[in-house]
């Protein structure tokens, strides 16, 4: 029996401590992440994880045991996101996770002045999050492609630039200014993720790549849509995918799929996964049109007190331009 009086919370001791807790949890829970995601989440959040520890009051050991983590990210525009709320199985249901660790995250958002706080939760936990003040506002649909070797894609995604002056140029993400991606990301989601779209993710991670649609002009051009691909435990995670219309979304997604197909035998047995936005009426069918399947699994997009970003409100930009999200850990 776990003594509930033995729980406490603290900041992480180091990035390596968080990785030693986070990565085994991702594997045991089957969340299909990559260990290479850890530096990205650490960079994006500035290491602002909270660690749940436990020590039996009767124990003679001096050191408490780390048994859970949560990642409360407050972005610069006072929007918060709850990521990676995990507690070791032996300590679940004992009061440490919900009453202490999750509350510590909410307290941190309050200290940071967050005006909106969101999360993606599995459907089994909607009631639990509801009791903590979160209101469901949409569904994230998990889309899959089971084997890369089964991909059937056209040999060409079309010309780099069309005949019309307004047709965007398709460029590699690493050749796009991070600030332009930050702006496009915020327009679509309402999340100002200045520490996510950096050289760490876009240049230094060899497993992360993608394409952007750029309307040429002053200041390096406006990004009208983009897609990111990065590795995950069983293959490749596609997302985010933003575009002002289905045609451009399909073009970007197809370009990503062609690239993966081009990896040949190294990718043949791997799978693809994407977190499509169920509130965009054409997002799921855009993926299905290129051979993807709906897995049958949803996440509930929830917001504290029902206060979501303007972009994600009904009729907002996300409803038209978000085809897939980055991931449940950061929105």
C-alpha atoms as a PDB file:
ATOM      1  CA  UNK A   1       0.000   0.000   0.000  1.00  0.00           C
ATOM      2  CA  UNK A   2       1.370   3.395  -1.036  1.00  0.00           C
ATOM      3  CA  UNK A   3       1.315   5.953   1.768  1.00  0.00           C
ATOM      4  CA  UNK A   4      -0.237   9.111   0.227  1.00  0.00           C
ATOM      5  CA  UNK A   5       1.553  11.303   2.744  1.00  0.00           C
ATOM      6  CA  UNK A   6       4.872  10.448   1.111  1.00  0.00           C
ATOM      7  CA  UNK A   7       4.268  12.403  -2.131  1.00  0.00           C
ATOM      8  CA  UNK A   8       5.904  15.693  -3.036  1.00  0.00           C
ATOM      9  CA  UNK A   9       6.698  17.667  -6.197  1.00  0.00           C
ATOM     10  CA  UNK A  10       9.839  19.434  -7.329  1.00  0.00           C
ATOM     11  CA  UNK A  11      11.561  20.789 -10.466  1.00  0.00           C
ATOM     12  CA  UNK A  12      13.657  18.345 -12.497  1.00  0.00           C
ATOM     13  CA  UNK A  13      17.282  17.851 -11.558  1.00  0.00           C
ATOM     14  CA  UNK A  14      18.358  17.659 -15.188  1.00  0.00           C
ATOM     15  CA  UNK A  15      17.278  16.912 -18.730  1.00  0.00           C
ATOM     16  CA  UNK A  16      18.630  13.384 -18.347  1.00  0.00           C
ATOM     17  CA  UNK A  17      16.456  12.766 -15.293  1.00  0.00           C
ATOM     18  CA  UNK A  18      13.348  13.694 -17.284  1.00  0.00           C
ATOM     19  CA  UNK A  19      14.386  11.520 -20.213  1.00  0.00           C
ATOM     20  CA  UNK A  20      14.912   8.557 -17.868  1.00  0.00           C
ATOM     21  CA  UNK A  21      11.301   8.952 -16.688  1.00  0.00           C
ATOM     22  CA  UNK A  22       9.681  10.101 -19.943  1.00  0.00           C
ATOM     23  CA  UNK A  23      11.020   7.640 -22.498  1.00  0.00           C
ATOM     24  CA  UNK A  24      10.197   4.389 -20.633  1.00  0.00           C
ATOM     25  CA  UNK A  25       6.691   5.774 -20.040  1.00  0.00           C
ATOM     26  CA  UNK A  26       6.236   6.524 -23.744  1.00  0.00           C
ATOM     27  CA  UNK A  27       7.225   2.941 -24.569  1.00  0.00           C
ATOM     28  CA  UNK A  28       5.095   1.242 -21.912  1.00  0.00           C
ATOM     29  CA  UNK A  29       2.027   3.364 -22.721  1.00  0.00           C
ATOM     30  CA  UNK A  30       2.409   2.722 -26.452  1.00  0.00           C
ATOM     31  CA  UNK A  31       2.334   6.419 -27.358  1.00  0.00           C
ATOM     32  CA  UNK A  32       4.610   5.849 -30.387  1.00  0.00           C
ATOM     33  CA  UNK A  33       7.063   8.684 -29.799  1.00  0.00           C
ATOM     34  CA  UNK A  34      10.808   8.919 -30.419  1.00  0.00           C
ATOM     35  CA  UNK A  35      13.561   9.358 -27.868  1.00  0.00           C
ATOM     36  CA  UNK A  36      14.763  12.137 -30.183  1.00  0.00           C
ATOM     37  CA  UNK A  37      11.636  14.103 -29.232  1.00  0.00           C
ATOM     38  CA  UNK A  38      12.935  14.639 -25.709  1.00  0.00           C
ATOM     39  CA  UNK A  39      15.451  17.407 -26.553  1.00  0.00           C
ATOM     40  CA  UNK A  40      12.748  19.135 -28.606  1.00  0.00           C
ATOM     41  CA  UNK A  41      10.235  19.153 -25.750  1.00  0.00           C
ATOM     42  CA  UNK A  42      12.954  20.224 -23.298  1.00  0.00           C
ATOM     43  CA  UNK A  43      13.954  23.095 -25.583  1.00  0.00           C
ATOM     44  CA  UNK A  44      10.369  24.158 -26.276  1.00  0.00           C
ATOM     45  CA  UNK A  45       9.386  24.198 -22.601  1.00  0.00           C
ATOM     46  CA  UNK A  46      12.720  25.510 -21.294  1.00  0.00           C
ATOM     47  CA  UNK A  47      12.815  22.412 -19.082  1.00  0.00           C
ATOM     48  CA  UNK A  48       9.736  23.407 -17.080  1.00  0.00           C
ATOM     49  CA  UNK A  49       8.658  19.876 -16.168  1.00  0.00           C
ATOM     50  CA  UNK A  50       7.370  19.067 -12.691  1.00  0.00           C
ATOM     51  CA  UNK A  51       8.456  15.802 -11.056  1.00  0.00           C
ATOM     52  CA  UNK A  52       6.301  13.786  -8.648  1.00  0.00           C
ATOM     53  CA  UNK A  53       8.304  11.973  -5.983  1.00  0.00           C
ATOM     54  CA  UNK A  54       7.414   9.518  -3.258  1.00  0.00           C
ATOM     55  CA  UNK A  55       9.117   8.387  -0.095  1.00  0.00           C
ATOM     56  CA  UNK A  56       7.596   6.008   2.405  1.00  0.00           C
ATOM     57  CA  UNK A  57       7.581   7.855   5.737  1.00  0.00           C
ATOM     58  CA  UNK A  58       8.720   4.674   7.488  1.00  0.00           C
ATOM     59  CA  UNK A  59      11.604   4.078   5.062  1.00  0.00           C
ATOM     60  CA  UNK A  60      15.185   4.506   6.204  1.00  0.00           C
ATOM     61  CA  UNK A  61      16.234   5.617   2.716  1.00  0.00           C
ATOM     62  CA  UNK A  62      17.016   9.320   2.461  1.00  0.00           C
ATOM     63  CA  UNK A  63      16.354   9.719  -1.269  1.00  0.00           C
ATOM     64  CA  UNK A  64      12.788  10.027  -2.525  1.00  0.00           C
ATOM     65  CA  UNK A  65      11.805   8.114  -5.692  1.00  0.00           C
ATOM     66  CA  UNK A  66      10.703   9.964  -8.831  1.00  0.00           C
ATOM     67  CA  UNK A  67       7.389   8.370  -9.874  1.00  0.00           C
ATOM     68  CA  UNK A  68       5.730  10.802 -12.300  1.00  0.00           C
ATOM     69  CA  UNK A  69       6.058  13.880 -14.485  1.00  0.00           C
ATOM     70  CA  UNK A  70       3.922  16.570 -16.066  1.00  0.00           C
ATOM     71  CA  UNK A  71       4.834  19.327 -18.524  1.00  0.00           C
ATOM     72  CA  UNK A  72       2.974  22.633 -18.050  1.00  0.00           C
ATOM     73  CA  UNK A  73       4.109  24.842 -20.940  1.00  0.00           C
ATOM     74  CA  UNK A  74       3.141  28.512 -20.904  1.00  0.00           C
ATOM     75  CA  UNK A  75       3.724  30.066 -24.305  1.00  0.00           C
ATOM     76  CA  UNK A  76       4.617  33.782 -24.604  1.00  0.00           C
ATOM     77  CA  UNK A  77       1.048  34.783 -25.529  1.00  0.00           C
ATOM     78  CA  UNK A  78      -0.263  33.558 -22.152  1.00  0.00           C
ATOM     79  CA  UNK A  79      -1.600  30.295 -23.561  1.00  0.00           C
ATOM     80  CA  UNK A  80      -0.762  27.125 -21.658  1.00  0.00           C
ATOM     81  CA  UNK A  81      -0.617  23.473 -22.619  1.00  0.00           C
ATOM     82  CA  UNK A  82      -0.595  20.357 -20.413  1.00  0.00           C
ATOM     83  CA  UNK A  83       1.755  17.722 -21.782  1.00  0.00           C
ATOM     84  CA  UNK A  84       2.955  14.282 -20.733  1.00  0.00           C
ATOM     85  CA  UNK A  85       0.986  13.736 -17.543  1.00  0.00           C
ATOM     86  CA  UNK A  86       2.284  10.292 -16.562  1.00  0.00           C
ATOM     87  CA  UNK A  87       2.559   8.470 -13.239  1.00  0.00           C
ATOM     88  CA  UNK A  88       4.172   5.070 -12.644  1.00  0.00           C
ATOM     89  CA  UNK A  89       1.534   2.346 -12.623  1.00  0.00           C
ATOM     90  CA  UNK A  90       2.199   1.331  -9.009  1.00  0.00           C
ATOM     91  CA  UNK A  91       1.421   4.878  -7.858  1.00  0.00           C
ATOM     92  CA  UNK A  92      -1.726   5.566  -9.872  1.00  0.00           C
ATOM     93  CA  UNK A  93      -4.965   6.032  -7.996  1.00  0.00           C
ATOM     94  CA  UNK A  94      -3.181   6.914  -4.769  1.00  0.00           C
ATOM     95  CA  UNK A  95      -3.801  10.664  -4.849  1.00  0.00           C
ATOM     96  CA  UNK A  96      -0.337  11.774  -5.865  1.00  0.00           C
ATOM     97  CA  UNK A  97      -1.065  12.263  -9.553  1.00  0.00           C
ATOM     98  CA  UNK A  98      -4.373  14.084  -9.543  1.00  0.00           C
ATOM     99  CA  UNK A  99      -4.396  15.933  -6.272  1.00  0.00           C
ATOM    100  CA  UNK A 100      -0.740  16.939  -6.188  1.00  0.00           C
ATOM    101  CA  UNK A 101       1.043  16.690  -9.557  1.00  0.00           C
ATOM    102  CA  UNK A 102      -1.783  17.926 -11.786  1.00  0.00           C
ATOM    103  CA  UNK A 103      -2.672  20.665  -9.316  1.00  0.00           C
ATOM    104  CA  UNK A 104       0.973  21.741  -9.259  1.00  0.00           C
ATOM    105  CA  UNK A 105       0.744  22.210 -13.031  1.00  0.00           C
ATOM    106  CA  UNK A 106      -2.413  24.319 -12.710  1.00  0.00           C
ATOM    107  CA  UNK A 107      -0.721  26.397 -10.013  1.00  0.00           C
ATOM    108  CA  UNK A 108       2.243  26.965 -12.341  1.00  0.00           C
ATOM    109  CA  UNK A 109      -0.063  28.195 -15.096  1.00  0.00           C
ATOM    110  CA  UNK A 110      -1.599  30.638 -12.625  1.00  0.00           C
ATOM    111  CA  UNK A 111       1.852  31.902 -11.612  1.00  0.00           C
ATOM    112  CA  UNK A 112       2.763  32.419 -15.272  1.00  0.00           C
ATOM    113  CA  UNK A 113      -0.453  34.331 -15.950  1.00  0.00           C
ATOM    114  CA  UNK A 114      -1.819  31.847 -18.497  1.00  0.00           C
ATOM    115  CA  UNK A 115      -5.237  32.960 -19.723  1.00  0.00           C
ATOM    116  CA  UNK A 116      -6.065  29.746 -21.611  1.00  0.00           C
ATOM    117  CA  UNK A 117      -4.906  26.192 -20.876  1.00  0.00           C
ATOM    118  CA  UNK A 118      -5.465  23.262 -23.212  1.00  0.00           C
ATOM    119  CA  UNK A 119      -4.751  19.547 -23.347  1.00  0.00           C
ATOM    120  CA  UNK A 120      -5.435  16.463 -25.440  1.00  0.00           C
ATOM    121  CA  UNK A 121      -6.793  13.617 -23.334  1.00  0.00           C
ATOM    122  CA  UNK A 122      -7.703  10.014 -24.048  1.00  0.00           C
ATOM    123  CA  UNK A 123     -11.470   9.596 -24.029  1.00  0.00           C
ATOM    124  CA  UNK A 124     -11.377   7.461 -20.888  1.00  0.00           C
ATOM    125  CA  UNK A 125     -10.060  10.474 -18.956  1.00  0.00           C
ATOM    126  CA  UNK A 126     -12.526  13.098 -20.224  1.00  0.00           C
ATOM    127  CA  UNK A 127     -14.614  12.805 -17.063  1.00  0.00           C
ATOM    128  CA  UNK A 128     -11.555  13.142 -14.847  1.00  0.00           C
ATOM    129  CA  UNK A 129     -10.351  16.256 -16.632  1.00  0.00           C
ATOM    130  CA  UNK A 130     -13.902  17.582 -16.614  1.00  0.00           C
ATOM    131  CA  UNK A 131     -13.930  17.490 -12.822  1.00  0.00           C
ATOM    132  CA  UNK A 132     -10.800  19.636 -12.903  1.00  0.00           C
ATOM    133  CA  UNK A 133     -12.529  22.293 -14.977  1.00  0.00           C
ATOM    134  CA  UNK A 134     -11.640  21.235 -18.529  1.00  0.00           C
ATOM    135  CA  UNK A 135     -14.313  21.308 -21.240  1.00  0.00           C
ATOM    136  CA  UNK A 136     -14.161  19.262 -24.440  1.00  0.00           C
ATOM    137  CA  UNK A 137     -14.099  21.453 -27.547  1.00  0.00           C
ATOM    138  CA  UNK A 138     -13.136  19.053 -30.320  1.00  0.00           C
ATOM    139  CA  UNK A 139     -11.689  15.714 -31.355  1.00  0.00           C
ATOM    140  CA  UNK A 140      -8.286  14.759 -32.688  1.00  0.00           C
ATOM    141  CA  UNK A 141      -8.466  11.747 -35.023  1.00  0.00           C
ATOM    142  CA  UNK A 142      -5.512   9.362 -35.152  1.00  0.00           C
ATOM    143  CA  UNK A 143      -4.766   8.497 -38.790  1.00  0.00           C
ATOM    144  CA  UNK A 144      -2.422   5.659 -39.773  1.00  0.00           C
ATOM    145  CA  UNK A 145      -0.654   4.100 -42.732  1.00  0.00           C
ATOM    146  CA  UNK A 146       0.367   0.622 -41.629  1.00  0.00           C
ATOM    147  CA  UNK A 147       3.290  -0.133 -43.943  1.00  0.00           C
ATOM    148  CA  UNK A 148       5.408   2.224 -46.025  1.00  0.00           C
ATOM    149  CA  UNK A 149       5.970  -0.563 -48.563  1.00  0.00           C
ATOM    150  CA  UNK A 150       2.217  -0.470 -49.256  1.00  0.00           C
ATOM    151  CA  UNK A 151       2.297   3.240 -50.118  1.00  0.00           C
ATOM    152  CA  UNK A 152       1.128   3.955 -53.638  1.00  0.00           C
ATOM    153  CA  UNK A 153       1.982   7.544 -54.496  1.00  0.00           C
ATOM    154  CA  UNK A 154       2.330   9.382 -57.823  1.00  0.00           C
ATOM    155  CA  UNK A 155       5.873   9.794 -59.090  1.00  0.00           C
ATOM    156  CA  UNK A 156       5.566  13.584 -59.028  1.00  0.00           C
ATOM    157  CA  UNK A 157       3.835  16.121 -56.811  1.00  0.00           C
ATOM    158  CA  UNK A 158       3.923  18.702 -59.566  1.00  0.00           C
ATOM    159  CA  UNK A 159       6.187  21.611 -60.339  1.00  0.00           C
ATOM    160  CA  UNK A 160       7.973  23.548 -57.633  1.00  0.00           C
ATOM    161  CA  UNK A 161       6.033  26.656 -58.675  1.00  0.00           C
ATOM    162  CA  UNK A 162       2.870  26.939 -60.714  1.00  0.00           C
ATOM    163  CA  UNK A 163       1.995  29.307 -63.523  1.00  0.00           C
ATOM    164  CA  UNK A 164       0.042  31.789 -61.389  1.00  0.00           C
ATOM    165  CA  UNK A 165       1.760  34.586 -59.527  1.00  0.00           C
ATOM    166  CA  UNK A 166      -0.016  33.583 -56.311  1.00  0.00           C
ATOM    167  CA  UNK A 167       1.054  29.936 -56.446  1.00  0.00           C
ATOM    168  CA  UNK A 168       3.401  29.315 -53.494  1.00  0.00           C
ATOM    169  CA  UNK A 169       6.877  27.876 -53.829  1.00  0.00           C
ATOM    170  CA  UNK A 170       7.424  24.559 -52.012  1.00  0.00           C
ATOM    171  CA  UNK A 171      10.635  24.712 -49.988  1.00  0.00           C
ATOM    172  CA  UNK A 172      12.404  22.469 -47.474  1.00  0.00           C
ATOM    173  CA  UNK A 173      11.579  23.506 -43.903  1.00  0.00           C
ATOM    174  CA  UNK A 174      15.237  23.908 -43.006  1.00  0.00           C
ATOM    175  CA  UNK A 175      15.477  26.628 -45.674  1.00  0.00           C
ATOM    176  CA  UNK A 176      12.655  28.671 -44.129  1.00  0.00           C
ATOM    177  CA  UNK A 177      13.217  31.285 -41.438  1.00  0.00           C
ATOM    178  CA  UNK A 178      12.021  29.948 -38.049  1.00  0.00           C
ATOM    179  CA  UNK A 179      10.178  33.221 -37.385  1.00  0.00           C
ATOM    180  CA  UNK A 180       8.027  32.609 -40.464  1.00  0.00           C
ATOM    181  CA  UNK A 181       7.058  29.171 -39.134  1.00  0.00           C
ATOM    182  CA  UNK A 182       6.297  30.620 -35.695  1.00  0.00           C
ATOM    183  CA  UNK A 183       3.936  33.121 -37.332  1.00  0.00           C
ATOM    184  CA  UNK A 184       2.202  30.492 -39.486  1.00  0.00           C
ATOM    185  CA  UNK A 185       1.875  28.146 -36.507  1.00  0.00           C
ATOM    186  CA  UNK A 186       0.351  30.851 -34.312  1.00  0.00           C
ATOM    187  CA  UNK A 187      -2.082  31.917 -37.034  1.00  0.00           C
ATOM    188  CA  UNK A 188      -3.387  28.358 -37.356  1.00  0.00           C
ATOM    189  CA  UNK A 189      -3.419  27.361 -33.681  1.00  0.00           C
ATOM    190  CA  UNK A 190      -3.228  30.420 -31.452  1.00  0.00           C
ATOM    191  CA  UNK A 191      -0.092  28.971 -29.820  1.00  0.00           C
ATOM    192  CA  UNK A 192       3.007  31.198 -29.964  1.00  0.00           C
ATOM    193  CA  UNK A 193       5.688  28.511 -29.911  1.00  0.00           C
ATOM    194  CA  UNK A 194       8.862  30.542 -30.324  1.00  0.00           C
ATOM    195  CA  UNK A 195      11.026  27.909 -28.609  1.00  0.00           C
ATOM    196  CA  UNK A 196       9.635  25.008 -30.651  1.00  0.00           C
ATOM    197  CA  UNK A 197      10.352  26.267 -34.171  1.00  0.00           C
ATOM    198  CA  UNK A 198      14.111  26.654 -33.741  1.00  0.00           C
ATOM    199  CA  UNK A 199      17.286  25.243 -35.276  1.00  0.00           C
ATOM    200  CA  UNK A 200      17.184  22.394 -32.719  1.00  0.00           C
ATOM    201  CA  UNK A 201      14.113  20.929 -34.421  1.00  0.00           C
ATOM    202  CA  UNK A 202      14.526  22.270 -37.949  1.00  0.00           C
ATOM    203  CA  UNK A 203      18.267  21.793 -38.518  1.00  0.00           C
ATOM    204  CA  UNK A 204      19.981  19.822 -35.762  1.00  0.00           C
ATOM    205  CA  UNK A 205      17.507  16.906 -35.708  1.00  0.00           C
ATOM    206  CA  UNK A 206      18.471  14.689 -38.626  1.00  0.00           C
ATOM    207  CA  UNK A 207      15.228  12.718 -38.267  1.00  0.00           C
ATOM    208  CA  UNK A 208      12.995  15.816 -38.573  1.00  0.00           C
ATOM    209  CA  UNK A 209      12.242  17.430 -41.932  1.00  0.00           C
ATOM    210  CA  UNK A 210       9.398  18.791 -43.983  1.00  0.00           C
ATOM    211  CA  UNK A 211       8.158  21.250 -46.564  1.00  0.00           C
ATOM    212  CA  UNK A 212       6.661  24.734 -46.522  1.00  0.00           C
ATOM    213  CA  UNK A 213       4.550  26.604 -49.039  1.00  0.00           C
ATOM    214  CA  UNK A 214       6.050  30.076 -49.275  1.00  0.00           C
ATOM    215  CA  UNK A 215       4.518  33.081 -51.000  1.00  0.00           C
ATOM    216  CA  UNK A 216       7.532  35.007 -52.180  1.00  0.00           C
ATOM    217  CA  UNK A 217       7.922  38.631 -51.182  1.00  0.00           C
ATOM    218  CA  UNK A 218       9.706  40.940 -48.790  1.00  0.00           C
ATOM    219  CA  UNK A 219      11.256  39.556 -45.633  1.00  0.00           C
ATOM    220  CA  UNK A 220      11.854  36.101 -47.096  1.00  0.00           C
ATOM    221  CA  UNK A 221       8.232  35.328 -47.942  1.00  0.00           C
ATOM    222  CA  UNK A 222       5.073  34.402 -46.065  1.00  0.00           C
ATOM    223  CA  UNK A 223       4.554  30.746 -45.111  1.00  0.00           C
ATOM    224  CA  UNK A 224       1.014  29.833 -46.151  1.00  0.00           C
ATOM    225  CA  UNK A 225       1.244  26.197 -45.084  1.00  0.00           C
ATOM    226  CA  UNK A 226       3.727  23.562 -43.991  1.00  0.00           C
ATOM    227  CA  UNK A 227       4.194  19.941 -42.999  1.00  0.00           C
ATOM    228  CA  UNK A 228       6.691  18.434 -40.539  1.00  0.00           C
ATOM    229  CA  UNK A 229       7.768  14.785 -40.435  1.00  0.00           C
ATOM    230  CA  UNK A 230       9.811  13.244 -37.657  1.00  0.00           C
ATOM    231  CA  UNK A 231      10.678   9.748 -36.543  1.00  0.00           C
ATOM    232  CA  UNK A 232       8.665   7.807 -33.996  1.00  0.00           C
ATOM    233  CA  UNK A 233       9.097   4.387 -32.425  1.00  0.00           C
ATOM    234  CA  UNK A 234       7.298   2.533 -35.222  1.00  0.00           C
ATOM    235  CA  UNK A 235       8.029   4.788 -38.165  1.00  0.00           C
ATOM    236  CA  UNK A 236       7.157   8.395 -38.984  1.00  0.00           C
ATOM    237  CA  UNK A 237       4.913  11.004 -37.366  1.00  0.00           C
ATOM    238  CA  UNK A 238       3.416  13.513 -39.798  1.00  0.00           C
ATOM    239  CA  UNK A 239       2.355  16.795 -38.271  1.00  0.00           C
ATOM    240  CA  UNK A 240       1.651  19.525 -38.077  1.00  0.00           C
ATOM    241  CA  UNK A 241       0.060  19.909 -41.477  1.00  0.00           C
ATOM    242  CA  UNK A 242      -1.349  23.385 -42.109  1.00  0.00           C
ATOM    243  CA  UNK A 243      -2.718  24.739 -45.373  1.00  0.00           C
ATOM    244  CA  UNK A 244      -5.361  27.283 -46.453  1.00  0.00           C
ATOM    245  CA  UNK A 245      -7.156  24.669 -48.566  1.00  0.00           C
ATOM    246  CA  UNK A 246      -7.371  20.959 -49.224  1.00  0.00           C
ATOM    247  CA  UNK A 247      -5.416  21.109 -52.488  1.00  0.00           C
ATOM    248  CA  UNK A 248      -2.334  22.590 -50.855  1.00  0.00           C
ATOM    249  CA  UNK A 249      -2.666  20.248 -47.859  1.00  0.00           C
ATOM    250  CA  UNK A 250      -2.704  17.290 -50.258  1.00  0.00           C
ATOM    251  CA  UNK A 251       0.321  18.651 -52.118  1.00  0.00           C
ATOM    252  CA  UNK A 252       2.354  18.986 -48.917  1.00  0.00           C
ATOM    253  CA  UNK A 253       1.249  15.618 -47.563  1.00  0.00           C
ATOM    254  CA  UNK A 254       1.990  13.919 -50.869  1.00  0.00           C
ATOM    255  CA  UNK A 255       5.457  15.474 -50.992  1.00  0.00           C
ATOM    256  CA  UNK A 256       6.151  14.079 -47.509  1.00  0.00           C
ATOM    257  CA  UNK A 257       4.859  10.631 -48.475  1.00  0.00           C
ATOM    258  CA  UNK A 258       6.979  10.576 -51.638  1.00  0.00           C
ATOM    259  CA  UNK A 259      10.062  11.419 -49.611  1.00  0.00           C
ATOM    260  CA  UNK A 260       9.381   8.597 -47.164  1.00  0.00           C
ATOM    261  CA  UNK A 261       8.739   6.170 -50.014  1.00  0.00           C
ATOM    262  CA  UNK A 262      12.078   7.220 -51.457  1.00  0.00           C
ATOM    263  CA  UNK A 263      13.870   5.942 -48.359  1.00  0.00           C
ATOM    264  CA  UNK A 264      13.401   2.456 -49.838  1.00  0.00           C
ATOM    265  CA  UNK A 265      14.161  -0.662 -47.804  1.00  0.00           C
ATOM    266  CA  UNK A 266      15.093   1.369 -44.714  1.00  0.00           C
ATOM    267  CA  UNK A 267      11.471   2.512 -44.403  1.00  0.00           C
ATOM    268  CA  UNK A 268       9.572  -0.394 -45.977  1.00  0.00           C
ATOM    269  CA  UNK A 269       8.321  -2.022 -42.764  1.00  0.00           C
ATOM    270  CA  UNK A 270       7.653   1.224 -40.920  1.00  0.00           C
ATOM    271  CA  UNK A 271       4.282   2.889 -40.411  1.00  0.00           C
ATOM    272  CA  UNK A 272       2.942   6.447 -40.538  1.00  0.00           C
ATOM    273  CA  UNK A 273       0.815   8.229 -37.958  1.00  0.00           C
ATOM    274  CA  UNK A 274      -0.837  11.663 -37.860  1.00  0.00           C
ATOM    275  CA  UNK A 275      -3.142  13.468 -35.427  1.00  0.00           C
ATOM    276  CA  UNK A 276      -5.797  14.921 -37.755  1.00  0.00           C
ATOM    277  CA  UNK A 277      -8.137  17.720 -36.648  1.00  0.00           C
ATOM    278  CA  UNK A 278     -11.649  16.347 -36.508  1.00  0.00           C
ATOM    279  CA  UNK A 279     -13.182  19.842 -36.479  1.00  0.00           C
ATOM    280  CA  UNK A 280     -11.800  20.549 -39.954  1.00  0.00           C
ATOM    281  CA  UNK A 281     -14.516  18.935 -42.102  1.00  0.00           C
ATOM    282  CA  UNK A 282     -12.081  17.852 -44.826  1.00  0.00           C
ATOM    283  CA  UNK A 283      -9.011  16.884 -42.766  1.00  0.00           C
ATOM    284  CA  UNK A 284      -9.739  13.172 -42.361  1.00  0.00           C
ATOM    285  CA  UNK A 285     -10.834  12.736 -45.972  1.00  0.00           C
ATOM    286  CA  UNK A 286      -7.675  14.506 -47.154  1.00  0.00           C
ATOM    287  CA  UNK A 287      -5.612  11.791 -45.493  1.00  0.00           C
ATOM    288  CA  UNK A 288      -7.967   9.050 -46.669  1.00  0.00           C
ATOM    289  CA  UNK A 289      -7.673  10.354 -50.222  1.00  0.00           C
ATOM    290  CA  UNK A 290      -3.972   9.498 -50.118  1.00  0.00           C
ATOM    291  CA  UNK A 291      -4.444   6.010 -48.693  1.00  0.00           C
ATOM    292  CA  UNK A 292      -4.459   6.642 -44.945  1.00  0.00           C
ATOM    293  CA  UNK A 293      -6.944   4.981 -42.577  1.00  0.00           C
ATOM    294  CA  UNK A 294      -8.719   6.242 -39.467  1.00  0.00           C
ATOM    295  CA  UNK A 295      -7.435   4.172 -36.542  1.00  0.00           C
ATOM    296  CA  UNK A 296     -10.672   4.459 -34.571  1.00  0.00           C
ATOM    297  CA  UNK A 297      -8.820   6.279 -31.772  1.00  0.00           C
ATOM    298  CA  UNK A 298      -9.601   9.856 -30.742  1.00  0.00           C
ATOM    299  CA  UNK A 299      -8.146  12.372 -28.336  1.00  0.00           C
ATOM    300  CA  UNK A 300     -10.431  14.965 -26.766  1.00  0.00           C
ATOM    301  CA  UNK A 301      -9.212  18.542 -27.219  1.00  0.00           C
ATOM    302  CA  UNK A 302     -10.108  20.198 -23.907  1.00  0.00           C
ATOM    303  CA  UNK A 303      -9.709  23.718 -22.535  1.00  0.00           C
ATOM    304  CA  UNK A 304      -9.786  24.929 -18.950  1.00  0.00           C
ATOM    305  CA  UNK A 305     -13.166  26.567 -18.293  1.00  0.00           C
ATOM    306  CA  UNK A 306     -13.913  26.156 -22.008  1.00  0.00           C
ATOM    307  CA  UNK A 307     -11.620  29.080 -22.919  1.00  0.00           C
ATOM    308  CA  UNK A 308      -9.803  28.120 -26.140  1.00  0.00           C
ATOM    309  CA  UNK A 309      -7.698  30.280 -28.439  1.00  0.00           C
ATOM    310  CA  UNK A 310      -9.450  32.448 -31.027  1.00  0.00           C
ATOM    311  CA  UNK A 311      -7.946  30.349 -33.810  1.00  0.00           C
ATOM    312  CA  UNK A 312      -9.450  27.161 -32.384  1.00  0.00           C
ATOM    313  CA  UNK A 313     -12.951  28.469 -31.728  1.00  0.00           C
ATOM    314  CA  UNK A 314     -15.800  27.295 -33.941  1.00  0.00           C
ATOM    315  CA  UNK A 315     -15.454  29.142 -37.245  1.00  0.00           C
ATOM    316  CA  UNK A 316     -11.818  30.003 -36.506  1.00  0.00           C
ATOM    317  CA  UNK A 317      -8.724  29.514 -38.626  1.00  0.00           C
ATOM    318  CA  UNK A 318      -7.990  26.009 -37.285  1.00  0.00           C
ATOM    319  CA  UNK A 319     -11.325  24.755 -38.596  1.00  0.00           C
ATOM    320  CA  UNK A 320     -10.166  25.591 -42.128  1.00  0.00           C
ATOM    321  CA  UNK A 321      -6.387  25.350 -42.069  1.00  0.00           C
ATOM    322  CA  UNK A 322      -5.322  22.721 -39.504  1.00  0.00           C
ATOM    323  CA  UNK A 323      -5.229  19.282 -41.101  1.00  0.00           C
ATOM    324  CA  UNK A 324      -2.973  17.665 -38.470  1.00  0.00           C
ATOM    325  CA  UNK A 325      -1.471  18.784 -35.166  1.00  0.00           C
ATOM    326  CA  UNK A 326       2.135  18.646 -33.925  1.00  0.00           C
ATOM    327  CA  UNK A 327       1.253  16.140 -31.205  1.00  0.00           C
ATOM    328  CA  UNK A 328      -0.748  15.730 -28.002  1.00  0.00           C
ATOM    329  CA  UNK A 329       2.285  16.668 -25.914  1.00  0.00           C
ATOM    330  CA  UNK A 330       2.376  20.276 -27.138  1.00  0.00           C
ATOM    331  CA  UNK A 331      -0.827  20.851 -29.090  1.00  0.00           C
END
